[in-house]
């Protein structure tokens, strides 16, 4: 019988109110992958912490991914703006590209992250 993947526990649902974000690491295909989870409009979203213009982390200051008005995700390196609900780059050098989603699942009140299917 195959074991069901359990994912990595990254917190409880209440740990991520709107406008907050937190980084985490996953072990995927033998390598470490940094992601971040964010609360936005009552939902949770997670992405790989890698700008689509140049593969650098989006945050200069740990866990600060939102613009000042908490409406968009900001790449601190290039100024690119991403839509929090989809990961689409709306402005900047990566216009039209998408952040790579990290699948999330709720297990009771626990939030678990799983490796993305592809890079």
PDB file of N, CA and C in Angstrom:
ATOM      1  N   UNK A   1       0.838  -1.175   0.000  1.00  0.00           N
ATOM      2  CA  UNK A   1       0.000   0.000   0.000  1.00  0.00           C
ATOM      3  C   UNK A   1       0.885   1.241   0.000  1.00  0.00           C
ATOM      4  N   UNK A   2       0.658   2.138  -0.951  1.00  0.00           N
ATOM      5  CA  UNK A   2       1.458   3.358  -1.073  1.00  0.00           C
ATOM      6  C   UNK A   2       1.098   4.340   0.039  1.00  0.00           C
ATOM      7  N   UNK A   3       2.121   5.007   0.546  1.00  0.00           N
ATOM      8  CA  UNK A   3       1.881   6.010   1.583  1.00  0.00           C
ATOM      9  C   UNK A   3       1.390   7.296   0.938  1.00  0.00           C
ATOM     10  N   UNK A   4       0.407   7.889   1.560  1.00  0.00           N
ATOM     11  CA  UNK A   4      -0.125   9.160   1.094  1.00  0.00           C
ATOM     12  C   UNK A   4       0.835  10.267   1.541  1.00  0.00           C
ATOM     13  N   UNK A   5       1.248  11.174   0.624  1.00  0.00           N
ATOM     14  CA  UNK A   5       2.144  12.248   1.045  1.00  0.00           C
ATOM     15  C   UNK A   5       1.449  13.124   2.092  1.00  0.00           C
ATOM     16  N   UNK A   6       2.199  13.489   3.118  1.00  0.00           N
ATOM     17  CA  UNK A   6       1.602  14.263   4.205  1.00  0.00           C
ATOM     18  C   UNK A   6       1.873  15.753   4.063  1.00  0.00           C
ATOM     19  N   UNK A   7       2.789  16.154   3.241  1.00  0.00           N
ATOM     20  CA  UNK A   7       3.101  17.566   3.090  1.00  0.00           C
ATOM     21  C   UNK A   7       3.797  18.102   4.328  1.00  0.00           C
ATOM     22  N   UNK A   8       4.232  19.325   4.243  1.00  0.00           N
ATOM     23  CA  UNK A   8       4.904  19.961   5.360  1.00  0.00           C
ATOM     24  C   UNK A   8       3.941  20.871   6.096  1.00  0.00           C
ATOM     25  N   UNK A   9       3.878  20.714   7.400  1.00  0.00           N
ATOM     26  CA  UNK A   9       3.029  21.570   8.217  1.00  0.00           C
ATOM     27  C   UNK A   9       3.672  22.956   8.262  1.00  0.00           C
ATOM     28  N   UNK A  10       2.913  23.985   7.859  1.00  0.00           N
ATOM     29  CA  UNK A  10       3.463  25.341   7.867  1.00  0.00           C
ATOM     30  C   UNK A  10       2.736  26.261   8.837  1.00  0.00           C
ATOM     31  N   UNK A  11       1.746  25.744   9.528  1.00  0.00           N
ATOM     32  CA  UNK A  11       1.062  26.543  10.538  1.00  0.00           C
ATOM     33  C   UNK A  11      -0.408  26.201  10.629  1.00  0.00           C
ATOM     34  N   UNK A  12      -1.106  26.971  11.421  1.00  0.00           N
ATOM     35  CA  UNK A  12      -2.564  26.844  11.568  1.00  0.00           C
ATOM     36  C   UNK A  12      -3.206  27.917  10.706  1.00  0.00           C
ATOM     37  N   UNK A  13      -4.422  27.701  10.301  1.00  0.00           N
ATOM     38  CA  UNK A  13      -5.114  28.666   9.443  1.00  0.00           C
ATOM     39  C   UNK A  13      -5.119  30.059  10.073  1.00  0.00           C
ATOM     40  N   UNK A  14      -5.353  30.132  11.373  1.00  0.00           N
ATOM     41  CA  UNK A  14      -5.440  31.438  12.037  1.00  0.00           C
ATOM     42  C   UNK A  14      -4.090  32.155  12.119  1.00  0.00           C
ATOM     43  N   UNK A  15      -3.007  31.484  11.776  1.00  0.00           N
ATOM     44  CA  UNK A  15      -1.681  32.120  11.768  1.00  0.00           C
ATOM     45  C   UNK A  15      -1.499  33.067  10.589  1.00  0.00           C
ATOM     46  N   UNK A  16      -2.430  33.043   9.632  1.00  0.00           N
ATOM     47  CA  UNK A  16      -2.257  33.800   8.394  1.00  0.00           C
ATOM     48  C   UNK A  16      -3.443  34.719   8.103  1.00  0.00           C
ATOM     49  N   UNK A  17      -3.655  35.751   8.935  1.00  0.00           N
ATOM     50  CA  UNK A  17      -4.716  36.695   8.615  1.00  0.00           C
ATOM     51  C   UNK A  17      -4.368  37.467   7.336  1.00  0.00           C
ATOM     52  N   UNK A  18      -5.334  38.114   6.746  1.00  0.00           N
ATOM     53  CA  UNK A  18      -5.096  38.901   5.530  1.00  0.00           C
ATOM     54  C   UNK A  18      -3.939  39.876   5.729  1.00  0.00           C
ATOM     55  N   UNK A  19      -3.115  39.985   4.695  1.00  0.00           N
ATOM     56  CA  UNK A  19      -2.000  40.920   4.718  1.00  0.00           C
ATOM     57  C   UNK A  19      -0.747  40.379   5.380  1.00  0.00           C
ATOM     58  N   UNK A  20      -0.759  39.098   5.770  1.00  0.00           N
ATOM     59  CA  UNK A  20       0.437  38.508   6.371  1.00  0.00           C
ATOM     60  C   UNK A  20       1.032  37.467   5.436  1.00  0.00           C
ATOM     61  N   UNK A  21       2.316  37.216   5.628  1.00  0.00           N
ATOM     62  CA  UNK A  21       3.006  36.208   4.818  1.00  0.00           C
ATOM     63  C   UNK A  21       4.115  35.593   5.655  1.00  0.00           C
ATOM     64  N   UNK A  22       4.504  34.378   5.273  1.00  0.00           N
ATOM     65  CA  UNK A  22       5.568  33.680   5.987  1.00  0.00           C
ATOM     66  C   UNK A  22       6.258  32.716   5.040  1.00  0.00           C
ATOM     67  N   UNK A  23       7.582  32.701   5.107  1.00  0.00           N
ATOM     68  CA  UNK A  23       8.360  31.779   4.289  1.00  0.00           C
ATOM     69  C   UNK A  23       8.421  30.403   4.947  1.00  0.00           C
ATOM     70  N   UNK A  24       8.671  29.400   4.110  1.00  0.00           N
ATOM     71  CA  UNK A  24       8.880  28.028   4.562  1.00  0.00           C
ATOM     72  C   UNK A  24       9.763  27.337   3.546  1.00  0.00           C
ATOM     73  N   UNK A  25      10.318  26.199   3.923  1.00  0.00           N
ATOM     74  CA  UNK A  25      11.114  25.411   2.978  1.00  0.00           C
ATOM     75  C   UNK A  25      10.505  24.021   2.843  1.00  0.00           C
ATOM     76  N   UNK A  26      10.612  23.498   1.654  1.00  0.00           N
ATOM     77  CA  UNK A  26      10.169  22.139   1.345  1.00  0.00           C
ATOM     78  C   UNK A  26      11.357  21.376   0.773  1.00  0.00           C
ATOM     79  N   UNK A  27      11.364  20.094   0.960  1.00  0.00           N
ATOM     80  CA  UNK A  27      12.341  19.218   0.318  1.00  0.00           C
ATOM     81  C   UNK A  27      11.635  18.589  -0.874  1.00  0.00           C
ATOM     82  N   UNK A  28      12.031  19.005  -2.066  1.00  0.00           N
ATOM     83  CA  UNK A  28      11.363  18.543  -3.296  1.00  0.00           C
ATOM     84  C   UNK A  28      12.392  17.948  -4.250  1.00  0.00           C
ATOM     85  N   UNK A  29      12.175  16.710  -4.598  1.00  0.00           N
ATOM     86  CA  UNK A  29      13.052  16.014  -5.530  1.00  0.00           C
ATOM     87  C   UNK A  29      14.524  16.130  -5.118  1.00  0.00           C
ATOM     88  N   UNK A  30      14.758  16.009  -3.792  1.00  0.00           N
ATOM     89  CA  UNK A  30      16.117  16.011  -3.263  1.00  0.00           C
ATOM     90  C   UNK A  30      16.735  17.387  -3.072  1.00  0.00           C
ATOM     91  N   UNK A  31      15.985  18.446  -3.347  1.00  0.00           N
ATOM     92  CA  UNK A  31      16.521  19.799  -3.190  1.00  0.00           C
ATOM     93  C   UNK A  31      15.620  20.620  -2.288  1.00  0.00           C
ATOM     94  N   UNK A  32      16.219  21.626  -1.670  1.00  0.00           N
ATOM     95  CA  UNK A  32      15.471  22.536  -0.817  1.00  0.00           C
ATOM     96  C   UNK A  32      14.807  23.610  -1.681  1.00  0.00           C
ATOM     97  N   UNK A  33      13.540  23.871  -1.411  1.00  0.00           N
ATOM     98  CA  UNK A  33      12.771  24.853  -2.158  1.00  0.00           C
ATOM     99  C   UNK A  33      12.139  25.827  -1.168  1.00  0.00           C
ATOM    100  N   UNK A  34      12.398  27.119  -1.357  1.00  0.00           N
ATOM    101  CA  UNK A  34      11.807  28.117  -0.468  1.00  0.00           C
ATOM    102  C   UNK A  34      10.497  28.619  -1.066  1.00  0.00           C
ATOM    103  N   UNK A  35       9.481  28.604  -0.244  1.00  0.00           N
ATOM    104  CA  UNK A  35       8.187  29.121  -0.644  1.00  0.00           C
ATOM    105  C   UNK A  35       7.691  30.124   0.374  1.00  0.00           C
ATOM    106  N   UNK A  36       6.533  30.709   0.088  1.00  0.00           N
ATOM    107  CA  UNK A  36       5.889  31.581   1.057  1.00  0.00           C
ATOM    108  C   UNK A  36       4.385  31.424   0.945  1.00  0.00           C
ATOM    109  N   UNK A  37       3.737  31.560   2.075  1.00  0.00           N
ATOM    110  CA  UNK A  37       2.279  31.492   2.150  1.00  0.00           C
ATOM    111  C   UNK A  37       1.791  32.868   2.567  1.00  0.00           C
ATOM    112  N   UNK A  38       0.617  33.249   2.057  1.00  0.00           N
ATOM    113  CA  UNK A  38       0.066  34.552   2.394  1.00  0.00           C
ATOM    114  C   UNK A  38      -1.438  34.461   2.581  1.00  0.00           C
ATOM    115  N   UNK A  39      -1.934  35.304   3.449  1.00  0.00           N
ATOM    116  CA  UNK A  39      -3.366  35.458   3.628  1.00  0.00           C
ATOM    117  C   UNK A  39      -3.827  36.656   2.827  1.00  0.00           C
ATOM    118  N   UNK A  40      -4.868  36.448   2.004  1.00  0.00           N
ATOM    119  CA  UNK A  40      -5.372  37.533   1.160  1.00  0.00           C
ATOM    120  C   UNK A  40      -6.851  37.294   0.880  1.00  0.00           C
ATOM    121  N   UNK A  41      -7.666  38.295   1.177  1.00  0.00           N
ATOM    122  CA  UNK A  41      -9.110  38.238   0.942  1.00  0.00           C
ATOM    123  C   UNK A  41      -9.739  36.969   1.523  1.00  0.00           C
ATOM    124  N   UNK A  42      -9.311  36.608   2.739  1.00  0.00           N
ATOM    125  CA  UNK A  42      -9.900  35.477   3.442  1.00  0.00           C
ATOM    126  C   UNK A  42      -9.429  34.109   2.996  1.00  0.00           C
ATOM    127  N   UNK A  43      -8.479  34.045   2.082  1.00  0.00           N
ATOM    128  CA  UNK A  43      -7.966  32.770   1.591  1.00  0.00           C
ATOM    129  C   UNK A  43      -6.459  32.705   1.764  1.00  0.00           C
ATOM    130  N   UNK A  44      -5.915  31.519   1.576  1.00  0.00           N
ATOM    131  CA  UNK A  44      -4.473  31.313   1.618  1.00  0.00           C
ATOM    132  C   UNK A  44      -3.960  30.957   0.233  1.00  0.00           C
ATOM    133  N   UNK A  45      -2.796  31.494  -0.083  1.00  0.00           N
ATOM    134  CA  UNK A  45      -2.122  31.213  -1.346  1.00  0.00           C
ATOM    135  C   UNK A  45      -0.654  30.981  -1.041  1.00  0.00           C
ATOM    136  N   UNK A  46       0.015  30.165  -1.839  1.00  0.00           N
ATOM    137  CA  UNK A  46       1.439  29.903  -1.629  1.00  0.00           C
ATOM    138  C   UNK A  46       2.144  29.821  -2.976  1.00  0.00           C
ATOM    139  N   UNK A  47       3.367  30.331  -2.981  1.00  0.00           N
ATOM    140  CA  UNK A  47       4.180  30.366  -4.194  1.00  0.00           C
ATOM    141  C   UNK A  47       5.629  30.058  -3.865  1.00  0.00           C
ATOM    142  N   UNK A  48       6.383  29.653  -4.883  1.00  0.00           N
ATOM    143  CA  UNK A  48       7.827  29.522  -4.760  1.00  0.00           C
ATOM    144  C   UNK A  48       8.386  30.940  -4.663  1.00  0.00           C
ATOM    145  N   UNK A  49       9.318  31.161  -3.765  1.00  0.00           N
ATOM    146  CA  UNK A  49       9.899  32.489  -3.561  1.00  0.00           C
ATOM    147  C   UNK A  49      10.998  32.750  -4.591  1.00  0.00           C
ATOM    148  N   UNK A  50      10.558  32.975  -5.836  1.00  0.00           N
ATOM    149  CA  UNK A  50      11.479  33.193  -6.944  1.00  0.00           C
ATOM    150  C   UNK A  50      10.814  34.090  -7.971  1.00  0.00           C
ATOM    151  N   UNK A  51      11.406  35.269  -8.204  1.00  0.00           N
ATOM    152  CA  UNK A  51      10.880  36.180  -9.217  1.00  0.00           C
ATOM    153  C   UNK A  51      10.950  35.516 -10.586  1.00  0.00           C
ATOM    154  N   UNK A  52       9.992  35.832 -11.446  1.00  0.00           N
ATOM    155  CA  UNK A  52       9.965  35.240 -12.786  1.00  0.00           C
ATOM    156  C   UNK A  52      10.833  36.010 -13.779  1.00  0.00           C
ATOM    157  N   UNK A  53      11.358  37.157 -13.380  1.00  0.00           N
ATOM    158  CA  UNK A  53      12.257  37.921 -14.253  1.00  0.00           C
ATOM    159  C   UNK A  53      13.676  37.364 -14.133  1.00  0.00           C
ATOM    160  N   UNK A  54      14.222  37.396 -12.926  1.00  0.00           N
ATOM    161  CA  UNK A  54      15.522  36.821 -12.599  1.00  0.00           C
ATOM    162  C   UNK A  54      15.284  35.963 -11.361  1.00  0.00           C
ATOM    163  N   UNK A  55      15.763  34.735 -11.334  1.00  0.00           N
ATOM    164  CA  UNK A  55      15.412  33.830 -10.232  1.00  0.00           C
ATOM    165  C   UNK A  55      16.052  34.211  -8.884  1.00  0.00           C
ATOM    166  N   UNK A  56      15.595  35.326  -8.337  1.00  0.00           N
ATOM    167  CA  UNK A  56      16.006  35.799  -7.015  1.00  0.00           C
ATOM    168  C   UNK A  56      14.785  35.791  -6.105  1.00  0.00           C
ATOM    169  N   UNK A  57      14.983  35.697  -4.787  1.00  0.00           N
ATOM    170  CA  UNK A  57      13.841  35.789  -3.874  1.00  0.00           C
ATOM    171  C   UNK A  57      13.136  37.138  -4.028  1.00  0.00           C
ATOM    172  N   UNK A  58      11.828  37.148  -3.814  1.00  0.00           N
ATOM    173  CA  UNK A  58      11.065  38.385  -3.940  1.00  0.00           C
ATOM    174  C   UNK A  58      11.309  39.341  -2.781  1.00  0.00           C
ATOM    175  N   UNK A  59      11.575  38.814  -1.600  1.00  0.00           N
ATOM    176  CA  UNK A  59      11.684  39.672  -0.409  1.00  0.00           C
ATOM    177  C   UNK A  59      13.138  40.011  -0.088  1.00  0.00           C
ATOM    178  N   UNK A  60      13.390  41.290   0.193  1.00  0.00           N
ATOM    179  CA  UNK A  60      14.686  41.716   0.738  1.00  0.00           C
ATOM    180  C   UNK A  60      14.647  41.589   2.246  1.00  0.00           C
ATOM    181  N   UNK A  61      13.543  42.020   2.828  1.00  0.00           N
ATOM    182  CA  UNK A  61      13.327  41.895   4.262  1.00  0.00           C
ATOM    183  C   UNK A  61      12.486  40.643   4.452  1.00  0.00           C
ATOM    184  N   UNK A  62      12.951  39.732   5.317  1.00  0.00           N
ATOM    185  CA  UNK A  62      12.255  38.460   5.515  1.00  0.00           C
ATOM    186  C   UNK A  62      10.751  38.629   5.688  1.00  0.00           C
ATOM    187  N   UNK A  63      10.003  37.859   4.902  1.00  0.00           N
ATOM    188  CA  UNK A  63       8.547  37.750   5.003  1.00  0.00           C
ATOM    189  C   UNK A  63       7.788  39.020   4.651  1.00  0.00           C
ATOM    190  N   UNK A  64       8.408  39.947   3.964  1.00  0.00           N
ATOM    191  CA  UNK A  64       7.687  41.141   3.507  1.00  0.00           C
ATOM    192  C   UNK A  64       7.520  41.047   1.994  1.00  0.00           C
ATOM    193  N   UNK A  65       6.346  40.554   1.606  1.00  0.00           N
ATOM    194  CA  UNK A  65       6.055  40.335   0.193  1.00  0.00           C
ATOM    195  C   UNK A  65       5.033  41.331  -0.354  1.00  0.00           C
ATOM    196  N   UNK A  66       4.222  41.911   0.510  1.00  0.00           N
ATOM    197  CA  UNK A  66       3.147  42.793   0.060  1.00  0.00           C
ATOM    198  C   UNK A  66       3.630  44.208  -0.198  1.00  0.00           C
ATOM    199  N   UNK A  67       2.928  44.879  -1.129  1.00  0.00           N
ATOM    200  CA  UNK A  67       3.122  46.314  -1.287  1.00  0.00           C
ATOM    201  C   UNK A  67       2.606  46.995  -0.023  1.00  0.00           C
ATOM    202  N   UNK A  68       2.917  48.270   0.132  1.00  0.00           N
ATOM    203  CA  UNK A  68       2.529  48.996   1.336  1.00  0.00           C
ATOM    204  C   UNK A  68       1.022  48.973   1.579  1.00  0.00           C
ATOM    205  N   UNK A  69       0.232  49.004   0.497  1.00  0.00           N
ATOM    206  CA  UNK A  69      -1.235  48.982   0.641  1.00  0.00           C
ATOM    207  C   UNK A  69      -1.805  47.564   0.737  1.00  0.00           C
ATOM    208  N   UNK A  70      -0.940  46.542   0.758  1.00  0.00           N
ATOM    209  CA  UNK A  70      -1.314  45.127   0.877  1.00  0.00           C
ATOM    210  C   UNK A  70      -2.204  44.632  -0.259  1.00  0.00           C
ATOM    211  N   UNK A  71      -2.098  45.258  -1.423  1.00  0.00           N
ATOM    212  CA  UNK A  71      -2.909  44.873  -2.579  1.00  0.00           C
ATOM    213  C   UNK A  71      -2.179  43.924  -3.532  1.00  0.00           C
ATOM    214  N   UNK A  72      -0.858  44.063  -3.638  1.00  0.00           N
ATOM    215  CA  UNK A  72      -0.073  43.259  -4.575  1.00  0.00           C
ATOM    216  C   UNK A  72       1.135  42.658  -3.873  1.00  0.00           C
ATOM    217  N   UNK A  73       1.719  41.650  -4.509  1.00  0.00           N
ATOM    218  CA  UNK A  73       3.008  41.114  -4.084  1.00  0.00           C
ATOM    219  C   UNK A  73       4.079  41.871  -4.854  1.00  0.00           C
ATOM    220  N   UNK A  74       5.170  42.181  -4.193  1.00  0.00           N
ATOM    221  CA  UNK A  74       6.212  43.016  -4.784  1.00  0.00           C
ATOM    222  C   UNK A  74       7.536  42.271  -4.809  1.00  0.00           C
ATOM    223  N   UNK A  75       8.205  42.292  -5.955  1.00  0.00           N
ATOM    224  CA  UNK A  75       9.578  41.820  -6.025  1.00  0.00           C
ATOM    225  C   UNK A  75      10.452  43.006  -5.634  1.00  0.00           C
ATOM    226  N   UNK A  76      11.112  42.907  -4.494  1.00  0.00           N
ATOM    227  CA  UNK A  76      11.936  44.004  -3.996  1.00  0.00           C
ATOM    228  C   UNK A  76      13.161  44.246  -4.877  1.00  0.00           C
ATOM    229  N   UNK A  77      13.541  43.277  -5.701  1.00  0.00           N
ATOM    230  CA  UNK A  77      14.711  43.429  -6.562  1.00  0.00           C
ATOM    231  C   UNK A  77      14.422  44.248  -7.815  1.00  0.00           C
ATOM    232  N   UNK A  78      13.253  44.059  -8.426  1.00  0.00           N
ATOM    233  CA  UNK A  78      12.964  44.679  -9.720  1.00  0.00           C
ATOM    234  C   UNK A  78      11.717  45.549  -9.719  1.00  0.00           C
ATOM    235  N   UNK A  79      10.961  45.528  -8.631  1.00  0.00           N
ATOM    236  CA  UNK A  79       9.739  46.321  -8.573  1.00  0.00           C
ATOM    237  C   UNK A  79       8.550  45.680  -9.262  1.00  0.00           C
ATOM    238  N   UNK A  80       8.674  44.439  -9.684  1.00  0.00           N
ATOM    239  CA  UNK A  80       7.560  43.756 -10.343  1.00  0.00           C
ATOM    240  C   UNK A  80       6.407  43.585  -9.362  1.00  0.00           C
ATOM    241  N   UNK A  81       5.182  43.714  -9.873  1.00  0.00           N
ATOM    242  CA  UNK A  81       3.982  43.520  -9.063  1.00  0.00           C
ATOM    243  C   UNK A  81       3.259  42.271  -9.522  1.00  0.00           C
ATOM    244  N   UNK A  82       2.860  41.443  -8.549  1.00  0.00           N
ATOM    245  CA  UNK A  82       2.153  40.193  -8.818  1.00  0.00           C
ATOM    246  C   UNK A  82       0.786  40.217  -8.151  1.00  0.00           C
ATOM    247  N   UNK A  83      -0.186  39.614  -8.814  1.00  0.00           N
ATOM    248  CA  UNK A  83      -1.531  39.447  -8.255  1.00  0.00           C
ATOM    249  C   UNK A  83      -1.476  38.341  -7.197  1.00  0.00           C
ATOM    250  N   UNK A  84      -1.888  38.628  -5.950  1.00  0.00           N
ATOM    251  CA  UNK A  84      -1.787  37.616  -4.890  1.00  0.00           C
ATOM    252  C   UNK A  84      -2.613  36.351  -5.128  1.00  0.00           C
ATOM    253  N   UNK A  85      -3.761  36.465  -5.782  1.00  0.00           N
ATOM    254  CA  UNK A  85      -4.632  35.292  -5.934  1.00  0.00           C
ATOM    255  C   UNK A  85      -4.203  34.355  -7.059  1.00  0.00           C
ATOM    256  N   UNK A  86      -3.432  34.860  -8.022  1.00  0.00           N
ATOM    257  CA  UNK A  86      -3.055  34.029  -9.161  1.00  0.00           C
ATOM    258  C   UNK A  86      -1.549  33.911  -9.358  1.00  0.00           C
ATOM    259  N   UNK A  87      -0.777  34.865  -8.837  1.00  0.00           N
ATOM    260  CA  UNK A  87       0.661  34.890  -9.064  1.00  0.00           C
ATOM    261  C   UNK A  87       1.057  35.518 -10.381  1.00  0.00           C
ATOM    262  N   UNK A  88       0.098  36.104 -11.109  1.00  0.00           N
ATOM    263  CA  UNK A  88       0.412  36.717 -12.397  1.00  0.00           C
ATOM    264  C   UNK A  88       1.165  38.025 -12.204  1.00  0.00           C
ATOM    265  N   UNK A  89       2.227  38.224 -12.994  1.00  0.00           N
ATOM    266  CA  UNK A  89       2.969  39.480 -12.978  1.00  0.00           C
ATOM    267  C   UNK A  89       2.173  40.511 -13.774  1.00  0.00           C
ATOM    268  N   UNK A  90       1.732  41.556 -13.083  1.00  0.00           N
ATOM    269  CA  UNK A  90       0.895  42.587 -13.696  1.00  0.00           C
ATOM    270  C   UNK A  90       1.675  43.793 -14.170  1.00  0.00           C
ATOM    271  N   UNK A  91       2.872  43.988 -13.607  1.00  0.00           N
ATOM    272  CA  UNK A  91       3.688  45.141 -13.978  1.00  0.00           C
ATOM    273  C   UNK A  91       5.136  44.814 -13.714  1.00  0.00           C
ATOM    274  N   UNK A  92       6.007  45.248 -14.613  1.00  0.00           N
ATOM    275  CA  UNK A  92       7.437  45.068 -14.430  1.00  0.00           C
ATOM    276  C   UNK A  92       8.042  44.209 -15.515  1.00  0.00           C
ATOM    277  N   UNK A  93       9.319  43.862 -15.363  1.00  0.00           N
ATOM    278  CA  UNK A  93      10.035  43.139 -16.418  1.00  0.00           C
ATOM    279  C   UNK A  93       9.540  41.723 -16.671  1.00  0.00           C
ATOM    280  N   UNK A  94       8.719  41.193 -15.787  1.00  0.00           N
ATOM    281  CA  UNK A  94       8.196  39.831 -15.971  1.00  0.00           C
ATOM    282  C   UNK A  94       6.730  39.846 -16.408  1.00  0.00           C
ATOM    283  N   UNK A  95       6.230  40.979 -16.881  1.00  0.00           N
ATOM    284  CA  UNK A  95       4.817  41.130 -17.244  1.00  0.00           C
ATOM    285  C   UNK A  95       4.309  39.910 -18.012  1.00  0.00           C
ATOM    286  N   UNK A  96       3.196  39.344 -17.527  1.00  0.00           N
ATOM    287  CA  UNK A  96       2.571  38.200 -18.182  1.00  0.00           C
ATOM    288  C   UNK A  96       3.071  36.850 -17.697  1.00  0.00           C
ATOM    289  N   UNK A  97       4.155  36.820 -16.926  1.00  0.00           N
ATOM    290  CA  UNK A  97       4.651  35.550 -16.359  1.00  0.00           C
ATOM    291  C   UNK A  97       3.897  35.266 -15.057  1.00  0.00           C
ATOM    292  N   UNK A  98       4.083  34.090 -14.511  1.00  0.00           N
ATOM    293  CA  UNK A  98       3.356  33.675 -13.304  1.00  0.00           C
ATOM    294  C   UNK A  98       4.320  33.107 -12.276  1.00  0.00           C
ATOM    295  N   UNK A  99       4.104  33.456 -11.012  1.00  0.00           N
ATOM    296  CA  UNK A  99       4.823  32.788  -9.943  1.00  0.00           C
ATOM    297  C   UNK A  99       4.409  31.319  -9.927  1.00  0.00           C
ATOM    298  N   UNK A 100       5.307  30.456  -9.493  1.00  0.00           N
ATOM    299  CA  UNK A 100       4.991  29.035  -9.422  1.00  0.00           C
ATOM    300  C   UNK A 100       4.214  28.753  -8.137  1.00  0.00           C
ATOM    301  N   UNK A 101       3.022  28.185  -8.295  1.00  0.00           N
ATOM    302  CA  UNK A 101       2.165  27.884  -7.150  1.00  0.00           C
ATOM    303  C   UNK A 101       2.698  26.702  -6.353  1.00  0.00           C
ATOM    304  N   UNK A 102       2.499  26.791  -5.048  1.00  0.00           N
ATOM    305  CA  UNK A 102       2.785  25.690  -4.141  1.00  0.00           C
ATOM    306  C   UNK A 102       1.428  25.202  -3.632  1.00  0.00           C
ATOM    307  N   UNK A 103       1.093  23.943  -3.881  1.00  0.00           N
ATOM    308  CA  UNK A 103      -0.208  23.427  -3.429  1.00  0.00           C
ATOM    309  C   UNK A 103      -0.313  23.433  -1.901  1.00  0.00           C
ATOM    310  N   UNK A 104      -1.467  23.860  -1.418  1.00  0.00           N
ATOM    311  CA  UNK A 104      -1.781  23.858   0.010  1.00  0.00           C
ATOM    312  C   UNK A 104      -2.982  22.965   0.247  1.00  0.00           C
ATOM    313  N   UNK A 105      -2.993  22.324   1.401  1.00  0.00           N
ATOM    314  CA  UNK A 105      -4.168  21.547   1.821  1.00  0.00           C
ATOM    315  C   UNK A 105      -4.401  21.812   3.290  1.00  0.00           C
ATOM    316  N   UNK A 106      -5.678  21.833   3.660  1.00  0.00           N
ATOM    317  CA  UNK A 106      -6.052  21.973   5.064  1.00  0.00           C
ATOM    318  C   UNK A 106      -6.264  20.587   5.641  1.00  0.00           C
ATOM    319  N   UNK A 107      -5.674  20.333   6.790  1.00  0.00           N
ATOM    320  CA  UNK A 107      -5.815  19.073   7.506  1.00  0.00           C
ATOM    321  C   UNK A 107      -6.345  19.433   8.888  1.00  0.00           C
ATOM    322  N   UNK A 108      -7.678  19.464   9.022  1.00  0.00           N
ATOM    323  CA  UNK A 108      -8.275  20.045  10.217  1.00  0.00           C
ATOM    324  C   UNK A 108      -7.997  21.534  10.160  1.00  0.00           C
ATOM    325  N   UNK A 109      -7.391  22.097  11.156  1.00  0.00           N
ATOM    326  CA  UNK A 109      -7.010  23.508  11.129  1.00  0.00           C
ATOM    327  C   UNK A 109      -5.572  23.727  10.720  1.00  0.00           C
ATOM    328  N   UNK A 110      -4.868  22.647  10.362  1.00  0.00           N
ATOM    329  CA  UNK A 110      -3.458  22.730  10.004  1.00  0.00           C
ATOM    330  C   UNK A 110      -3.302  22.953   8.505  1.00  0.00           C
ATOM    331  N   UNK A 111      -2.398  23.863   8.137  1.00  0.00           N
ATOM    332  CA  UNK A 111      -2.093  24.138   6.734  1.00  0.00           C
ATOM    333  C   UNK A 111      -0.848  23.354   6.369  1.00  0.00           C
ATOM    334  N   UNK A 112      -0.941  22.599   5.277  1.00  0.00           N
ATOM    335  CA  UNK A 112       0.186  21.806   4.798  1.00  0.00           C
ATOM    336  C   UNK A 112       0.525  22.211   3.371  1.00  0.00           C
ATOM    337  N   UNK A 113       1.831  22.307   3.098  1.00  0.00           N
ATOM    338  CA  UNK A 113       2.319  22.658   1.764  1.00  0.00           C
ATOM    339  C   UNK A 113       2.920  21.410   1.122  1.00  0.00           C
ATOM    340  N   UNK A 114       2.752  21.305  -0.205  1.00  0.00           N
ATOM    341  CA  UNK A 114       3.244  20.172  -0.969  1.00  0.00           C
ATOM    342  C   UNK A 114       4.135  20.664  -2.101  1.00  0.00           C
ATOM    343  N   UNK A 115       5.049  19.826  -2.532  1.00  0.00           N
ATOM    344  CA  UNK A 115       5.948  20.191  -3.630  1.00  0.00           C
ATOM    345  C   UNK A 115       5.142  20.506  -4.890  1.00  0.00           C
ATOM    346  N   UNK A 116       5.542  21.564  -5.611  1.00  0.00           N
ATOM    347  CA  UNK A 116       4.911  21.835  -6.904  1.00  0.00           C
ATOM    348  C   UNK A 116       5.150  20.665  -7.847  1.00  0.00           C
ATOM    349  N   UNK A 117       4.255  20.489  -8.797  1.00  0.00           N
ATOM    350  CA  UNK A 117       4.382  19.366  -9.735  1.00  0.00           C
ATOM    351  C   UNK A 117       5.552  19.507 -10.672  1.00  0.00           C
ATOM    352  N   UNK A 118       5.900  20.744 -11.033  1.00  0.00           N
ATOM    353  CA  UNK A 118       7.024  20.976 -11.945  1.00  0.00           C
ATOM    354  C   UNK A 118       7.622  22.345 -11.641  1.00  0.00           C
ATOM    355  N   UNK A 119       8.835  22.562 -12.146  1.00  0.00           N
ATOM    356  CA  UNK A 119       9.523  23.841 -11.942  1.00  0.00           C
ATOM    357  C   UNK A 119       9.260  24.774 -13.093  1.00  0.00           C
TER     358      UNK A 119
END
